[in-house]
Amino acid sequence: MFSNNMQLVIYVEDVEKSADFWKKIGFIEIDRQKMEETQVIEIATSPSANCHFVLYDRSYFEKYAPESITATPAILFSSDDVVSLYKKLSQLQVTMGELIQTEEQLVFNFVDNDGNFFAVSGN
């Protein structure tokens, strides 16, 4: 049976820079491992989060397992205070879209240092 815990793999150009980006916006480092000549860094929103991101070096996988490289998944984060999060990311000079009101929620998107888009929704 599946558990409630998940890991999402994100292939990035520079694992350290990508981890720094995510930590800058509030994630924490859960684990760090050396895999041959590259680093693998696992991050999450908190130590008890059920979903973790695992940052892998894109060039390593293009060389050794090119069939595993796929597009970044569409990830939609939830927030209990979207406006504060939007302001925080803006102060950190993260590239973002406008904060818009949908029928019931506020939504915005942002871009990581590799140009991948992510979205946030909530109240």
N, C-alpha and C. Protein backbone atom coordinates (compact mmCIF):
# COMPACT_ATOMS: atom_id res chain seq x y z
N MET A 1 0.83 -1.19 0.00
CA MET A 1 0.00 0.00 0.00
C MET A 1 0.87 1.24 0.00
N PHE A 2 0.36 2.30 -0.58
CA PHE A 2 1.07 3.58 -0.59
C PHE A 2 0.93 4.27 0.75
N SER A 3 1.94 5.04 1.11
CA SER A 3 1.85 5.84 2.33
C SER A 3 1.42 7.26 1.97
N ASN A 4 1.27 8.12 2.96
CA ASN A 4 0.90 9.51 2.73
C ASN A 4 2.10 10.37 2.36
N ASN A 5 3.29 9.82 2.41
CA ASN A 5 4.49 10.59 2.12
C ASN A 5 4.83 10.49 0.64
N MET A 6 5.28 11.63 0.08
CA MET A 6 5.63 11.70 -1.33
C MET A 6 6.89 12.50 -1.53
N GLN A 7 7.60 12.18 -2.57
CA GLN A 7 8.75 12.97 -2.99
C GLN A 7 8.54 13.32 -4.46
N LEU A 8 8.74 14.58 -4.79
CA LEU A 8 8.68 15.04 -6.17
C LEU A 8 10.09 15.37 -6.61
N VAL A 9 10.51 14.79 -7.71
CA VAL A 9 11.84 15.03 -8.25
C VAL A 9 11.78 16.26 -9.15
N ILE A 10 12.72 17.17 -8.93
CA ILE A 10 12.86 18.33 -9.81
C ILE A 10 14.29 18.32 -10.34
N TYR A 11 14.42 18.24 -11.67
CA TYR A 11 15.74 18.26 -12.30
C TYR A 11 16.14 19.72 -12.50
N VAL A 12 17.32 20.08 -12.00
CA VAL A 12 17.75 21.48 -12.02
C VAL A 12 19.15 21.60 -12.62
N GLU A 13 19.50 22.80 -13.03
CA GLU A 13 20.82 23.06 -13.61
C GLU A 13 21.92 23.07 -12.56
N ASP A 14 21.63 23.60 -11.37
CA ASP A 14 22.62 23.70 -10.30
C ASP A 14 21.91 23.38 -8.99
N VAL A 15 22.20 22.22 -8.44
CA VAL A 15 21.50 21.73 -7.25
C VAL A 15 21.68 22.70 -6.07
N GLU A 16 22.89 23.17 -5.85
CA GLU A 16 23.15 24.09 -4.72
C GLU A 16 22.37 25.39 -4.88
N LYS A 17 22.42 25.99 -6.07
CA LYS A 17 21.70 27.24 -6.29
C LYS A 17 20.19 27.05 -6.17
N SER A 18 19.71 25.92 -6.66
CA SER A 18 18.29 25.65 -6.55
C SER A 18 17.88 25.48 -5.09
N ALA A 19 18.66 24.74 -4.33
CA ALA A 19 18.37 24.57 -2.90
C ALA A 19 18.39 25.92 -2.19
N ASP A 20 19.35 26.77 -2.55
CA ASP A 20 19.41 28.11 -1.95
C ASP A 20 18.15 28.91 -2.25
N PHE A 21 17.65 28.80 -3.49
CA PHE A 21 16.42 29.50 -3.87
C PHE A 21 15.27 29.05 -2.98
N TRP A 22 15.06 27.74 -2.87
CA TRP A 22 13.94 27.22 -2.10
C TRP A 22 14.07 27.56 -0.63
N LYS A 23 15.28 27.51 -0.10
CA LYS A 23 15.49 27.87 1.31
C LYS A 23 15.22 29.35 1.53
N LYS A 24 15.57 30.18 0.55
CA LYS A 24 15.34 31.62 0.64
C LYS A 24 13.85 31.93 0.78
N ILE A 25 13.00 31.13 0.13
CA ILE A 25 11.56 31.42 0.19
C ILE A 25 10.85 30.64 1.29
N GLY A 26 11.60 29.94 2.14
CA GLY A 26 10.99 29.35 3.33
C GLY A 26 11.06 27.85 3.48
N PHE A 27 11.61 27.13 2.51
CA PHE A 27 11.76 25.69 2.65
C PHE A 27 12.97 25.39 3.52
N ILE A 28 13.05 24.16 4.00
CA ILE A 28 14.21 23.75 4.79
C ILE A 28 14.85 22.53 4.13
N GLU A 29 16.13 22.36 4.41
CA GLU A 29 16.83 21.20 3.88
C GLU A 29 16.58 20.02 4.80
N ILE A 30 16.12 18.92 4.21
CA ILE A 30 15.81 17.71 4.96
C ILE A 30 16.99 16.74 4.91
N ASP A 31 17.61 16.63 3.74
CA ASP A 31 18.69 15.67 3.56
C ASP A 31 19.58 16.12 2.41
N ARG A 32 20.82 15.66 2.48
CA ARG A 32 21.80 15.97 1.44
C ARG A 32 22.64 14.72 1.26
N GLN A 33 22.79 14.28 0.00
CA GLN A 33 23.59 13.10 -0.28
C GLN A 33 24.45 13.31 -1.50
N LYS A 34 25.59 12.68 -1.50
CA LYS A 34 26.46 12.70 -2.67
C LYS A 34 26.11 11.48 -3.50
N MET A 35 25.91 11.68 -4.79
CA MET A 35 25.61 10.58 -5.70
C MET A 35 26.65 10.65 -6.82
N GLU A 36 27.66 9.82 -6.73
CA GLU A 36 28.79 9.85 -7.64
C GLU A 36 29.37 11.27 -7.67
N GLU A 37 29.32 11.96 -8.82
CA GLU A 37 29.93 13.29 -8.88
C GLU A 37 28.94 14.44 -8.68
N THR A 38 27.77 14.15 -8.17
CA THR A 38 26.77 15.20 -8.00
C THR A 38 26.14 15.15 -6.61
N GLN A 39 25.47 16.23 -6.24
CA GLN A 39 24.73 16.33 -4.98
C GLN A 39 23.25 16.07 -5.25
N VAL A 40 22.58 15.51 -4.26
CA VAL A 40 21.13 15.37 -4.26
C VAL A 40 20.66 16.02 -2.97
N ILE A 41 19.75 16.99 -3.08
CA ILE A 41 19.28 17.70 -1.90
C ILE A 41 17.76 17.56 -1.81
N GLU A 42 17.30 17.16 -0.64
CA GLU A 42 15.87 17.01 -0.37
C GLU A 42 15.42 18.19 0.49
N ILE A 43 14.35 18.84 0.08
CA ILE A 43 13.83 20.00 0.80
C ILE A 43 12.34 19.82 1.04
N ALA A 44 11.80 20.58 1.99
CA ALA A 44 10.36 20.53 2.28
C ALA A 44 9.96 21.81 2.98
N THR A 45 8.67 21.99 3.12
CA THR A 45 8.15 23.19 3.79
C THR A 45 8.36 23.13 5.30
N SER A 46 8.47 21.92 5.85
CA SER A 46 8.72 21.74 7.28
C SER A 46 9.23 20.32 7.52
N PRO A 47 9.79 20.05 8.70
CA PRO A 47 10.27 18.68 8.97
C PRO A 47 9.15 17.64 8.92
N SER A 48 7.92 18.04 9.20
CA SER A 48 6.81 17.09 9.23
C SER A 48 5.99 17.05 7.93
N ALA A 49 6.44 17.76 6.91
CA ALA A 49 5.70 17.80 5.64
C ALA A 49 5.61 16.40 5.02
N ASN A 50 4.47 16.10 4.42
CA ASN A 50 4.27 14.81 3.76
C ASN A 50 4.82 14.77 2.34
N CYS A 51 5.14 15.94 1.80
CA CYS A 51 5.66 16.01 0.44
C CYS A 51 7.02 16.73 0.45
N HIS A 52 8.01 16.10 -0.10
CA HIS A 52 9.35 16.67 -0.18
C HIS A 52 9.75 16.80 -1.64
N PHE A 53 10.55 17.81 -1.96
CA PHE A 53 11.17 17.95 -3.27
C PHE A 53 12.56 17.35 -3.19
N VAL A 54 12.94 16.62 -4.21
CA VAL A 54 14.29 16.09 -4.30
C VAL A 54 14.93 16.72 -5.53
N LEU A 55 15.97 17.51 -5.31
CA LEU A 55 16.62 18.26 -6.38
C LEU A 55 17.77 17.44 -6.94
N TYR A 56 17.69 17.12 -8.22
CA TYR A 56 18.70 16.34 -8.92
C TYR A 56 19.33 17.18 -10.02
N ASP A 57 20.57 16.93 -10.28
CA ASP A 57 21.32 17.61 -11.35
C ASP A 57 20.84 17.10 -12.71
N ARG A 58 20.26 18.01 -13.50
CA ARG A 58 19.72 17.66 -14.81
C ARG A 58 20.79 17.06 -15.72
N SER A 59 21.98 17.65 -15.76
CA SER A 59 23.02 17.17 -16.68
C SER A 59 23.48 15.76 -16.33
N TYR A 60 23.49 15.42 -15.05
CA TYR A 60 23.86 14.07 -14.63
C TYR A 60 22.87 13.05 -15.22
N PHE A 61 21.58 13.35 -15.11
CA PHE A 61 20.58 12.42 -15.62
C PHE A 61 20.51 12.42 -17.14
N GLU A 62 20.80 13.56 -17.76
CA GLU A 62 20.85 13.58 -19.23
C GLU A 62 21.96 12.67 -19.73
N LYS A 63 23.03 12.56 -18.97
CA LYS A 63 24.17 11.72 -19.33
C LYS A 63 23.91 10.24 -19.05
N TYR A 64 23.37 9.91 -17.87
CA TYR A 64 23.25 8.53 -17.44
C TYR A 64 21.87 7.91 -17.56
N ALA A 65 20.84 8.72 -17.58
CA ALA A 65 19.47 8.18 -17.67
C ALA A 65 18.56 9.19 -18.37
N PRO A 66 18.85 9.50 -19.63
CA PRO A 66 18.08 10.55 -20.32
C PRO A 66 16.59 10.25 -20.41
N GLU A 67 16.22 8.99 -20.37
CA GLU A 67 14.80 8.64 -20.46
C GLU A 67 14.02 9.07 -19.22
N SER A 68 14.74 9.35 -18.13
CA SER A 68 14.05 9.74 -16.89
C SER A 68 13.74 11.23 -16.83
N ILE A 69 14.35 12.02 -17.68
CA ILE A 69 14.13 13.48 -17.67
C ILE A 69 12.77 13.78 -18.28
N THR A 70 11.94 14.41 -17.49
CA THR A 70 10.62 14.83 -17.98
C THR A 70 10.42 16.29 -17.57
N ALA A 71 9.37 16.87 -18.07
CA ALA A 71 9.07 18.26 -17.72
C ALA A 71 8.76 18.36 -16.23
N THR A 72 9.00 19.54 -15.67
CA THR A 72 8.66 19.77 -14.28
C THR A 72 7.17 19.59 -14.09
N PRO A 73 6.76 18.88 -13.05
CA PRO A 73 5.31 18.71 -12.84
C PRO A 73 4.65 20.04 -12.50
N ALA A 74 3.37 20.14 -12.79
CA ALA A 74 2.62 21.32 -12.40
C ALA A 74 2.33 21.20 -10.91
N ILE A 75 2.93 22.07 -10.12
CA ILE A 75 2.77 22.00 -8.67
C ILE A 75 2.00 23.22 -8.20
N LEU A 76 0.94 22.98 -7.45
CA LEU A 76 0.11 24.03 -6.88
C LEU A 76 0.24 23.95 -5.36
N PHE A 77 0.86 24.97 -4.78
CA PHE A 77 1.00 25.05 -3.33
C PHE A 77 -0.25 25.66 -2.73
N SER A 78 -0.51 25.35 -1.47
CA SER A 78 -1.60 25.97 -0.72
C SER A 78 -0.99 26.89 0.34
N SER A 79 -1.70 27.96 0.67
CA SER A 79 -1.25 28.88 1.70
C SER A 79 -2.44 29.38 2.50
N ASP A 80 -2.26 29.49 3.81
CA ASP A 80 -3.30 30.06 4.66
C ASP A 80 -3.28 31.58 4.64
N ASP A 81 -2.21 32.17 4.10
CA ASP A 81 -2.08 33.62 4.02
C ASP A 81 -1.34 33.98 2.73
N VAL A 82 -2.07 33.90 1.63
CA VAL A 82 -1.50 34.12 0.31
C VAL A 82 -0.92 35.53 0.17
N VAL A 83 -1.59 36.52 0.71
CA VAL A 83 -1.12 37.90 0.58
C VAL A 83 0.24 38.09 1.24
N SER A 84 0.41 37.56 2.44
CA SER A 84 1.70 37.68 3.12
C SER A 84 2.80 36.94 2.38
N LEU A 85 2.48 35.75 1.86
CA LEU A 85 3.47 35.00 1.10
C LEU A 85 3.85 35.74 -0.17
N TYR A 86 2.87 36.31 -0.84
CA TYR A 86 3.12 37.10 -2.06
C TYR A 86 4.06 38.27 -1.74
N LYS A 87 3.79 38.97 -0.65
CA LYS A 87 4.63 40.10 -0.25
C LYS A 87 6.05 39.64 0.08
N LYS A 88 6.17 38.50 0.78
CA LYS A 88 7.48 37.98 1.14
C LYS A 88 8.29 37.65 -0.11
N LEU A 89 7.69 36.94 -1.06
CA LEU A 89 8.41 36.57 -2.28
C LEU A 89 8.77 37.81 -3.09
N SER A 90 7.91 38.79 -3.08
CA SER A 90 8.19 40.05 -3.77
C SER A 90 9.40 40.75 -3.15
N GLN A 91 9.46 40.78 -1.82
CA GLN A 91 10.60 41.39 -1.13
C GLN A 91 11.89 40.64 -1.41
N LEU A 92 11.79 39.34 -1.64
CA LEU A 92 12.96 38.52 -1.95
C LEU A 92 13.32 38.60 -3.44
N GLN A 93 12.58 39.41 -4.19
CA GLN A 93 12.79 39.63 -5.61
C GLN A 93 12.66 38.36 -6.45
N VAL A 94 11.72 37.51 -6.04
CA VAL A 94 11.39 36.31 -6.81
C VAL A 94 10.51 36.76 -7.98
N THR A 95 10.74 36.23 -9.16
CA THR A 95 9.92 36.55 -10.32
C THR A 95 8.54 35.92 -10.12
N MET A 96 7.50 36.78 -10.18
CA MET A 96 6.13 36.32 -9.92
C MET A 96 5.15 36.94 -10.89
N GLY A 97 4.00 36.26 -11.01
CA GLY A 97 2.88 36.81 -11.73
C GLY A 97 2.04 37.65 -10.78
N GLU A 98 0.98 38.22 -11.30
CA GLU A 98 0.09 39.03 -10.47
C GLU A 98 -0.70 38.17 -9.50
N LEU A 99 -1.06 38.76 -8.38
CA LEU A 99 -1.95 38.12 -7.42
C LEU A 99 -3.37 38.37 -7.91
N ILE A 100 -4.09 37.30 -8.24
CA ILE A 100 -5.44 37.47 -8.79
C ILE A 100 -6.47 36.77 -7.90
N GLN A 101 -7.68 37.27 -7.97
CA GLN A 101 -8.80 36.69 -7.23
C GLN A 101 -9.58 35.78 -8.17
N THR A 102 -9.70 34.51 -7.82
CA THR A 102 -10.59 33.62 -8.55
C THR A 102 -11.92 33.67 -7.81
N GLU A 103 -12.82 32.77 -8.12
CA GLU A 103 -14.12 32.80 -7.45
C GLU A 103 -13.99 32.79 -5.93
N GLU A 104 -13.20 31.86 -5.41
CA GLU A 104 -13.13 31.70 -3.96
C GLU A 104 -11.74 31.90 -3.37
N GLN A 105 -10.71 32.00 -4.21
CA GLN A 105 -9.35 32.05 -3.68
C GLN A 105 -8.50 33.07 -4.41
N LEU A 106 -7.39 33.41 -3.74
CA LEU A 106 -6.36 34.22 -4.37
C LEU A 106 -5.32 33.27 -4.96
N VAL A 107 -4.74 33.64 -6.09
CA VAL A 107 -3.78 32.78 -6.79
C VAL A 107 -2.68 33.65 -7.37
N PHE A 108 -1.44 33.13 -7.34
CA PHE A 108 -0.33 33.73 -8.08
C PHE A 108 0.64 32.63 -8.45
N ASN A 109 1.52 32.95 -9.41
CA ASN A 109 2.56 31.98 -9.76
C ASN A 109 3.93 32.62 -9.56
N PHE A 110 4.95 31.78 -9.48
CA PHE A 110 6.31 32.27 -9.36
C PHE A 110 7.24 31.34 -10.12
N VAL A 111 8.45 31.82 -10.35
CA VAL A 111 9.42 31.10 -11.15
C VAL A 111 10.66 30.84 -10.30
N ASP A 112 11.18 29.61 -10.36
CA ASP A 112 12.43 29.34 -9.65
C ASP A 112 13.62 29.76 -10.50
N ASN A 113 14.83 29.53 -10.00
CA ASN A 113 16.03 29.97 -10.71
C ASN A 113 16.30 29.18 -11.99
N ASP A 114 15.57 28.09 -12.24
CA ASP A 114 15.70 27.34 -13.49
C ASP A 114 14.60 27.69 -14.49
N GLY A 115 13.72 28.63 -14.12
CA GLY A 115 12.65 29.04 -15.03
C GLY A 115 11.41 28.17 -14.94
N ASN A 116 11.32 27.29 -13.93
CA ASN A 116 10.13 26.46 -13.75
C ASN A 116 9.04 27.26 -13.05
N PHE A 117 7.81 27.12 -13.52
CA PHE A 117 6.67 27.83 -12.93
C PHE A 117 6.00 26.99 -11.87
N PHE A 118 5.60 27.65 -10.78
CA PHE A 118 4.85 27.02 -9.69
C PHE A 118 3.71 27.98 -9.34
N ALA A 119 2.63 27.46 -8.80
CA ALA A 119 1.50 28.31 -8.44
C ALA A 119 1.18 28.16 -6.94
N VAL A 120 0.52 29.19 -6.41
CA VAL A 120 0.09 29.19 -5.01
C VAL A 120 -1.36 29.66 -4.97
N SER A 121 -2.17 28.97 -4.18
CA SER A 121 -3.55 29.43 -4.01
C SER A 121 -3.94 29.33 -2.54
N GLY A 122 -4.94 30.07 -2.17
CA GLY A 122 -5.42 30.03 -0.80
C GLY A 122 -6.19 31.28 -0.47
N ASN A 123 -6.30 31.53 0.82
CA ASN A 123 -7.05 32.70 1.30
C ASN A 123 -6.12 33.79 1.77
